[in-house]
Amino acid sequence: MRLGFLREKKRISQQKLAMDLNVNQNTISRYENGSRQADYAMLIKIADYFNVSIDYLLERTDNPKINL
């Protein structure tokens, strides 16, 4: 998942992202290192937060744009 890349690009800490998404910082860390996977609802929250598609977030495409 591109979560770490997107977070660093936006220059925010894991703690800030965790607070904004209402989860524990440890959860963000585990998402980033691959030891835990986000559920469907969390994928939507993360994609909305960074304004990218879920496919981009999950590295299924290199196009971050959301196709509506």
PDB file of N, CA and C in Angstrom:
ATOM      1  N   MET A   1       0.850  -1.178   0.000  1.00  0.00           N
ATOM      2  CA  MET A   1       0.000   0.000   0.000  1.00  0.00           C
ATOM      3  C   MET A   1       0.892   1.237   0.000  1.00  0.00           C
ATOM      4  N   ARG A   2       0.454   2.252  -0.655  1.00  0.00           N
ATOM      5  CA  ARG A   2       1.230   3.497  -0.783  1.00  0.00           C
ATOM      6  C   ARG A   2       1.027   4.466   0.380  1.00  0.00           C
ATOM      7  N   LEU A   3       0.526   3.995   1.466  1.00  0.00           N
ATOM      8  CA  LEU A   3       0.180   4.885   2.575  1.00  0.00           C
ATOM      9  C   LEU A   3       1.384   5.687   3.054  1.00  0.00           C
ATOM     10  N   GLY A   4       2.509   5.037   3.288  1.00  0.00           N
ATOM     11  CA  GLY A   4       3.701   5.746   3.766  1.00  0.00           C
ATOM     12  C   GLY A   4       4.155   6.814   2.792  1.00  0.00           C
ATOM     13  N   PHE A   5       4.149   6.477   1.517  1.00  0.00           N
ATOM     14  CA  PHE A   5       4.539   7.441   0.483  1.00  0.00           C
ATOM     15  C   PHE A   5       3.618   8.658   0.505  1.00  0.00           C
ATOM     16  N   LEU A   6       2.313   8.423   0.535  1.00  0.00           N
ATOM     17  CA  LEU A   6       1.348   9.524   0.526  1.00  0.00           C
ATOM     18  C   LEU A   6       1.469  10.374   1.785  1.00  0.00           C
ATOM     19  N   ARG A   7       1.656   9.723   2.915  1.00  0.00           N
ATOM     20  CA  ARG A   7       1.786  10.446   4.178  1.00  0.00           C
ATOM     21  C   ARG A   7       3.028  11.325   4.178  1.00  0.00           C
ATOM     22  N   GLU A   8       4.144  10.768   3.737  1.00  0.00           N
ATOM     23  CA  GLU A   8       5.385  11.546   3.707  1.00  0.00           C
ATOM     24  C   GLU A   8       5.321  12.665   2.687  1.00  0.00           C
ATOM     25  N   LYS A   9       4.663  12.416   1.563  1.00  0.00           N
ATOM     26  CA  LYS A   9       4.504  13.457   0.538  1.00  0.00           C
ATOM     27  C   LYS A   9       3.722  14.644   1.098  1.00  0.00           C
ATOM     28  N   LYS A  10       2.740  14.344   1.948  1.00  0.00           N
ATOM     29  CA  LYS A  10       1.922  15.398   2.560  1.00  0.00           C
ATOM     30  C   LYS A  10       2.594  15.986   3.803  1.00  0.00           C
ATOM     31  N   ARG A  11       3.736  15.376   4.183  1.00  0.00           N
ATOM     32  CA  ARG A  11       4.529  15.840   5.320  1.00  0.00           C
ATOM     33  C   ARG A  11       3.736  15.821   6.634  1.00  0.00           C
ATOM     34  N   ILE A  12       3.110  14.700   6.877  1.00  0.00           N
ATOM     35  CA  ILE A  12       2.418  14.531   8.148  1.00  0.00           C
ATOM     36  C   ILE A  12       2.962  13.286   8.846  1.00  0.00           C
ATOM     37  N   SER A  13       2.867  13.298  10.146  1.00  0.00           N
ATOM     38  CA  SER A  13       3.366  12.177  10.941  1.00  0.00           C
ATOM     39  C   SER A  13       2.328  11.056  10.996  1.00  0.00           C
ATOM     40  N   GLN A  14       2.793   9.894  11.395  1.00  0.00           N
ATOM     41  CA  GLN A  14       1.859   8.788  11.604  1.00  0.00           C
ATOM     42  C   GLN A  14       0.843   9.170  12.677  1.00  0.00           C
ATOM     43  N   GLN A  15       1.294   9.864  13.706  1.00  0.00           N
ATOM     44  CA  GLN A  15       0.392  10.277  14.793  1.00  0.00           C
ATOM     45  C   GLN A  15      -0.697  11.215  14.284  1.00  0.00           C
ATOM     46  N   LYS A  16      -0.338  12.186  13.455  1.00  0.00           N
ATOM     47  CA  LYS A  16      -1.317  13.128  12.895  1.00  0.00           C
ATOM     48  C   LYS A  16      -2.336  12.383  12.035  1.00  0.00           C
ATOM     49  N   LEU A  17      -1.854  11.498  11.185  1.00  0.00           N
ATOM     50  CA  LEU A  17      -2.763  10.733  10.338  1.00  0.00           C
ATOM     51  C   LEU A  17      -3.680   9.871  11.187  1.00  0.00           C
ATOM     52  N   ALA A  18      -3.123   9.227  12.201  1.00  0.00           N
ATOM     53  CA  ALA A  18      -3.923   8.388  13.091  1.00  0.00           C
ATOM     54  C   ALA A  18      -5.025   9.201  13.764  1.00  0.00           C
ATOM     55  N   MET A  19      -4.679  10.382  14.234  1.00  0.00           N
ATOM     56  CA  MET A  19      -5.679  11.245  14.877  1.00  0.00           C
ATOM     57  C   MET A  19      -6.762  11.641  13.876  1.00  0.00           C
ATOM     58  N   ASP A  20      -6.370  12.003  12.668  1.00  0.00           N
ATOM     59  CA  ASP A  20      -7.339  12.427  11.652  1.00  0.00           C
ATOM     60  C   ASP A  20      -8.262  11.293  11.222  1.00  0.00           C
ATOM     61  N   LEU A  21      -7.749  10.061  11.250  1.00  0.00           N
ATOM     62  CA  LEU A  21      -8.544   8.904  10.847  1.00  0.00           C
ATOM     63  C   LEU A  21      -9.187   8.192  12.035  1.00  0.00           C
ATOM     64  N   ASN A  22      -8.929   8.713  13.230  1.00  0.00           N
ATOM     65  CA  ASN A  22      -9.503   8.169  14.458  1.00  0.00           C
ATOM     66  C   ASN A  22      -9.078   6.719  14.711  1.00  0.00           C
ATOM     67  N   VAL A  23      -7.773   6.478  14.541  1.00  0.00           N
ATOM     68  CA  VAL A  23      -7.197   5.169  14.852  1.00  0.00           C
ATOM     69  C   VAL A  23      -5.923   5.390  15.665  1.00  0.00           C
ATOM     70  N   ASN A  24      -5.350   4.319  16.146  1.00  0.00           N
ATOM     71  CA  ASN A  24      -4.118   4.355  16.910  1.00  0.00           C
ATOM     72  C   ASN A  24      -2.925   4.530  15.966  1.00  0.00           C
ATOM     73  N   GLN A  25      -1.885   5.217  16.412  1.00  0.00           N
ATOM     74  CA  GLN A  25      -0.672   5.393  15.598  1.00  0.00           C
ATOM     75  C   GLN A  25      -0.061   4.056  15.241  1.00  0.00           C
ATOM     76  N   ASN A  26      -0.153   3.093  16.138  1.00  0.00           N
ATOM     77  CA  ASN A  26       0.380   1.766  15.887  1.00  0.00           C
ATOM     78  C   ASN A  26      -0.327   1.100  14.693  1.00  0.00           C
ATOM     79  N   THR A  27      -1.603   1.387  14.529  1.00  0.00           N
ATOM     80  CA  THR A  27      -2.359   0.854  13.394  1.00  0.00           C
ATOM     81  C   THR A  27      -1.802   1.394  12.084  1.00  0.00           C
ATOM     82  N   ILE A  28      -1.524   2.682  12.036  1.00  0.00           N
ATOM     83  CA  ILE A  28      -0.942   3.290  10.837  1.00  0.00           C
ATOM     84  C   ILE A  28       0.414   2.660  10.544  1.00  0.00           C
ATOM     85  N   SER A  29       1.220   2.496  11.570  1.00  0.00           N
ATOM     86  CA  SER A  29       2.529   1.872  11.403  1.00  0.00           C
ATOM     87  C   SER A  29       2.395   0.465  10.817  1.00  0.00           C
ATOM     88  N   ARG A  30       1.460  -0.295  11.317  1.00  0.00           N
ATOM     89  CA  ARG A  30       1.261  -1.664  10.817  1.00  0.00           C
ATOM     90  C   ARG A  30       0.737  -1.670   9.385  1.00  0.00           C
ATOM     91  N   TYR A  31      -0.117  -0.722   9.046  1.00  0.00           N
ATOM     92  CA  TYR A  31      -0.563  -0.621   7.641  1.00  0.00           C
ATOM     93  C   TYR A  31       0.646  -0.360   6.743  1.00  0.00           C
ATOM     94  N   GLU A  32       1.505   0.551   7.177  1.00  0.00           N
ATOM     95  CA  GLU A  32       2.654   0.941   6.366  1.00  0.00           C
ATOM     96  C   GLU A  32       3.687  -0.179   6.220  1.00  0.00           C
ATOM     97  N   ASN A  33       3.893  -0.980   7.254  1.00  0.00           N
ATOM     98  CA  ASN A  33       4.907  -2.030   7.146  1.00  0.00           C
ATOM     99  C   ASN A  33       4.321  -3.353   6.662  1.00  0.00           C
ATOM    100  N   GLY A  34       3.031  -3.381   6.419  1.00  0.00           N
ATOM    101  CA  GLY A  34       2.404  -4.553   5.827  1.00  0.00           C
ATOM    102  C   GLY A  34       2.019  -5.655   6.790  1.00  0.00           C
ATOM    103  N   SER A  35       2.162  -5.414   8.080  1.00  0.00           N
ATOM    104  CA  SER A  35       1.795  -6.456   9.042  1.00  0.00           C
ATOM    105  C   SER A  35       0.302  -6.469   9.356  1.00  0.00           C
ATOM    106  N   ARG A  36      -0.413  -5.475   8.865  1.00  0.00           N
ATOM    107  CA  ARG A  36      -1.872  -5.405   9.025  1.00  0.00           C
ATOM    108  C   ARG A  36      -2.464  -4.800   7.771  1.00  0.00           C
ATOM    109  N   GLN A  37      -3.660  -5.267   7.401  1.00  0.00           N
ATOM    110  CA  GLN A  37      -4.335  -4.729   6.231  1.00  0.00           C
ATOM    111  C   GLN A  37      -5.575  -3.942   6.662  1.00  0.00           C
ATOM    112  N   ALA A  38      -5.782  -2.835   5.995  1.00  0.00           N
ATOM    113  CA  ALA A  38      -6.958  -2.004   6.277  1.00  0.00           C
ATOM    114  C   ALA A  38      -8.209  -2.696   5.753  1.00  0.00           C
ATOM    115  N   ASP A  39      -9.304  -2.547   6.498  1.00  0.00           N
ATOM    116  CA  ASP A  39     -10.571  -3.091   6.019  1.00  0.00           C
ATOM    117  C   ASP A  39     -11.169  -2.132   4.992  1.00  0.00           C
ATOM    118  N   TYR A  40     -12.267  -2.557   4.414  1.00  0.00           N
ATOM    119  CA  TYR A  40     -12.913  -1.797   3.337  1.00  0.00           C
ATOM    120  C   TYR A  40     -13.227  -0.359   3.757  1.00  0.00           C
ATOM    121  N   ALA A  41     -13.828  -0.192   4.929  1.00  0.00           N
ATOM    122  CA  ALA A  41     -14.202   1.151   5.392  1.00  0.00           C
ATOM    123  C   ALA A  41     -12.972   2.030   5.589  1.00  0.00           C
ATOM    124  N   MET A  42     -11.897   1.453   6.113  1.00  0.00           N
ATOM    125  CA  MET A  42     -10.675   2.232   6.333  1.00  0.00           C
ATOM    126  C   MET A  42     -10.012   2.586   5.008  1.00  0.00           C
ATOM    127  N   LEU A  43     -10.043   1.677   4.034  1.00  0.00           N
ATOM    128  CA  LEU A  43      -9.498   1.997   2.708  1.00  0.00           C
ATOM    129  C   LEU A  43     -10.200   3.215   2.122  1.00  0.00           C
ATOM    130  N   ILE A  44     -11.504   3.273   2.284  1.00  0.00           N
ATOM    131  CA  ILE A  44     -12.269   4.425   1.783  1.00  0.00           C
ATOM    132  C   ILE A  44     -11.835   5.695   2.502  1.00  0.00           C
ATOM    133  N   LYS A  45     -11.716   5.633   3.827  1.00  0.00           N
ATOM    134  CA  LYS A  45     -11.284   6.804   4.607  1.00  0.00           C
ATOM    135  C   LYS A  45      -9.909   7.297   4.157  1.00  0.00           C
ATOM    136  N   ILE A  46      -8.983   6.359   3.991  1.00  0.00           N
ATOM    137  CA  ILE A  46      -7.619   6.737   3.601  1.00  0.00           C
ATOM    138  C   ILE A  46      -7.604   7.329   2.197  1.00  0.00           C
ATOM    139  N   ALA A  47      -8.305   6.697   1.265  1.00  0.00           N
ATOM    140  CA  ALA A  47      -8.364   7.207  -0.103  1.00  0.00           C
ATOM    141  C   ALA A  47      -8.992   8.600  -0.134  1.00  0.00           C
ATOM    142  N   ASP A  48     -10.068   8.794   0.613  1.00  0.00           N
ATOM    143  CA  ASP A  48     -10.711  10.111   0.679  1.00  0.00           C
ATOM    144  C   ASP A  48      -9.780  11.145   1.312  1.00  0.00           C
ATOM    145  N   TYR A  49      -9.068  10.756   2.336  1.00  0.00           N
ATOM    146  CA  TYR A  49      -8.158  11.660   3.040  1.00  0.00           C
ATOM    147  C   TYR A  49      -7.091  12.203   2.097  1.00  0.00           C
ATOM    148  N   PHE A  50      -6.535  11.327   1.274  1.00  0.00           N
ATOM    149  CA  PHE A  50      -5.477  11.728   0.351  1.00  0.00           C
ATOM    150  C   PHE A  50      -5.994  12.077  -1.043  1.00  0.00           C
ATOM    151  N   ASN A  51      -7.303  11.979  -1.236  1.00  0.00           N
ATOM    152  CA  ASN A  51      -7.940  12.295  -2.515  1.00  0.00           C
ATOM    153  C   ASN A  51      -7.336  11.488  -3.666  1.00  0.00           C
ATOM    154  N   VAL A  52      -7.233  10.182  -3.435  1.00  0.00           N
ATOM    155  CA  VAL A  52      -6.735   9.254  -4.451  1.00  0.00           C
ATOM    156  C   VAL A  52      -7.718   8.092  -4.562  1.00  0.00           C
ATOM    157  N   SER A  53      -7.589   7.343  -5.634  1.00  0.00           N
ATOM    158  CA  SER A  53      -8.446   6.169  -5.789  1.00  0.00           C
ATOM    159  C   SER A  53      -7.933   5.025  -4.907  1.00  0.00           C
ATOM    160  N   ILE A  54      -8.821   4.124  -4.575  1.00  0.00           N
ATOM    161  CA  ILE A  54      -8.418   2.943  -3.808  1.00  0.00           C
ATOM    162  C   ILE A  54      -7.454   2.095  -4.635  1.00  0.00           C
ATOM    163  N   ASP A  55      -7.672   2.021  -5.936  1.00  0.00           N
ATOM    164  CA  ASP A  55      -6.751   1.278  -6.796  1.00  0.00           C
ATOM    165  C   ASP A  55      -5.338   1.855  -6.714  1.00  0.00           C
ATOM    166  N   TYR A  56      -5.212   3.169  -6.682  1.00  0.00           N
ATOM    167  CA  TYR A  56      -3.892   3.792  -6.544  1.00  0.00           C
ATOM    168  C   TYR A  56      -3.300   3.462  -5.178  1.00  0.00           C
ATOM    169  N   LEU A  57      -4.110   3.574  -4.152  1.00  0.00           N
ATOM    170  CA  LEU A  57      -3.669   3.285  -2.797  1.00  0.00           C
ATOM    171  C   LEU A  57      -3.144   1.857  -2.685  1.00  0.00           C
ATOM    172  N   LEU A  58      -3.808   0.919  -3.351  1.00  0.00           N
ATOM    173  CA  LEU A  58      -3.428  -0.491  -3.289  1.00  0.00           C
ATOM    174  C   LEU A  58      -2.418  -0.890  -4.369  1.00  0.00           C
ATOM    175  N   GLU A  59      -1.892   0.098  -5.088  1.00  0.00           N
ATOM    176  CA  GLU A  59      -0.872  -0.096  -6.124  1.00  0.00           C
ATOM    177  C   GLU A  59      -1.357  -0.936  -7.303  1.00  0.00           C
ATOM    178  N   ARG A  60      -2.647  -0.824  -7.604  1.00  0.00           N
ATOM    179  CA  ARG A  60      -3.190  -1.514  -8.777  1.00  0.00           C
ATOM    180  C   ARG A  60      -3.084  -0.639 -10.024  1.00  0.00           C
ATOM    181  N   THR A  61      -2.793   0.644  -9.809  1.00  0.00           N
ATOM    182  CA  THR A  61      -2.592   1.586 -10.903  1.00  0.00           C
ATOM    183  C   THR A  61      -1.600   2.644 -10.442  1.00  0.00           C
ATOM    184  N   ASP A  62      -0.970   3.299 -11.396  1.00  0.00           N
ATOM    185  CA  ASP A  62      -0.078   4.410 -11.080  1.00  0.00           C
ATOM    186  C   ASP A  62      -0.773   5.755 -11.245  1.00  0.00           C
ATOM    187  N   ASN A  63      -2.054   5.720 -11.593  1.00  0.00           N
ATOM    188  CA  ASN A  63      -2.852   6.933 -11.765  1.00  0.00           C
ATOM    189  C   ASN A  63      -3.626   7.210 -10.483  1.00  0.00           C
ATOM    190  N   PRO A  64      -3.258   8.292  -9.760  1.00  0.00           N
ATOM    191  CA  PRO A  64      -3.947   8.569  -8.490  1.00  0.00           C
ATOM    192  C   PRO A  64      -5.345   9.162  -8.638  1.00  0.00           C
ATOM    193  N   LYS A  65      -5.726   9.555  -9.837  1.00  0.00           N
ATOM    194  CA  LYS A  65      -7.009  10.222 -10.042  1.00  0.00           C
ATOM    195  C   LYS A  65      -8.180   9.279  -9.807  1.00  0.00           C
ATOM    196  N   ILE A  66      -9.229   9.861  -9.281  1.00  0.00           N
ATOM    197  CA  ILE A  66     -10.459   9.121  -9.036  1.00  0.00           C
ATOM    198  C   ILE A  66     -11.319   9.242 -10.280  1.00  0.00           C
ATOM    199  N   ASN A  67     -11.717   8.137 -10.857  1.00  0.00           N
ATOM    200  CA  ASN A  67     -12.568   8.137 -12.037  1.00  0.00           C
ATOM    201  C   ASN A  67     -14.028   8.058 -11.613  1.00  0.00           C
ATOM    202  N   LEU A  68     -14.751   9.136 -11.862  1.00  0.00           N
ATOM    203  CA  LEU A  68     -16.178   9.158 -11.516  1.00  0.00           C
ATOM    204  C   LEU A  68     -17.029   9.016 -12.735  1.00  0.00           C
TER     205      LEU A  68
END
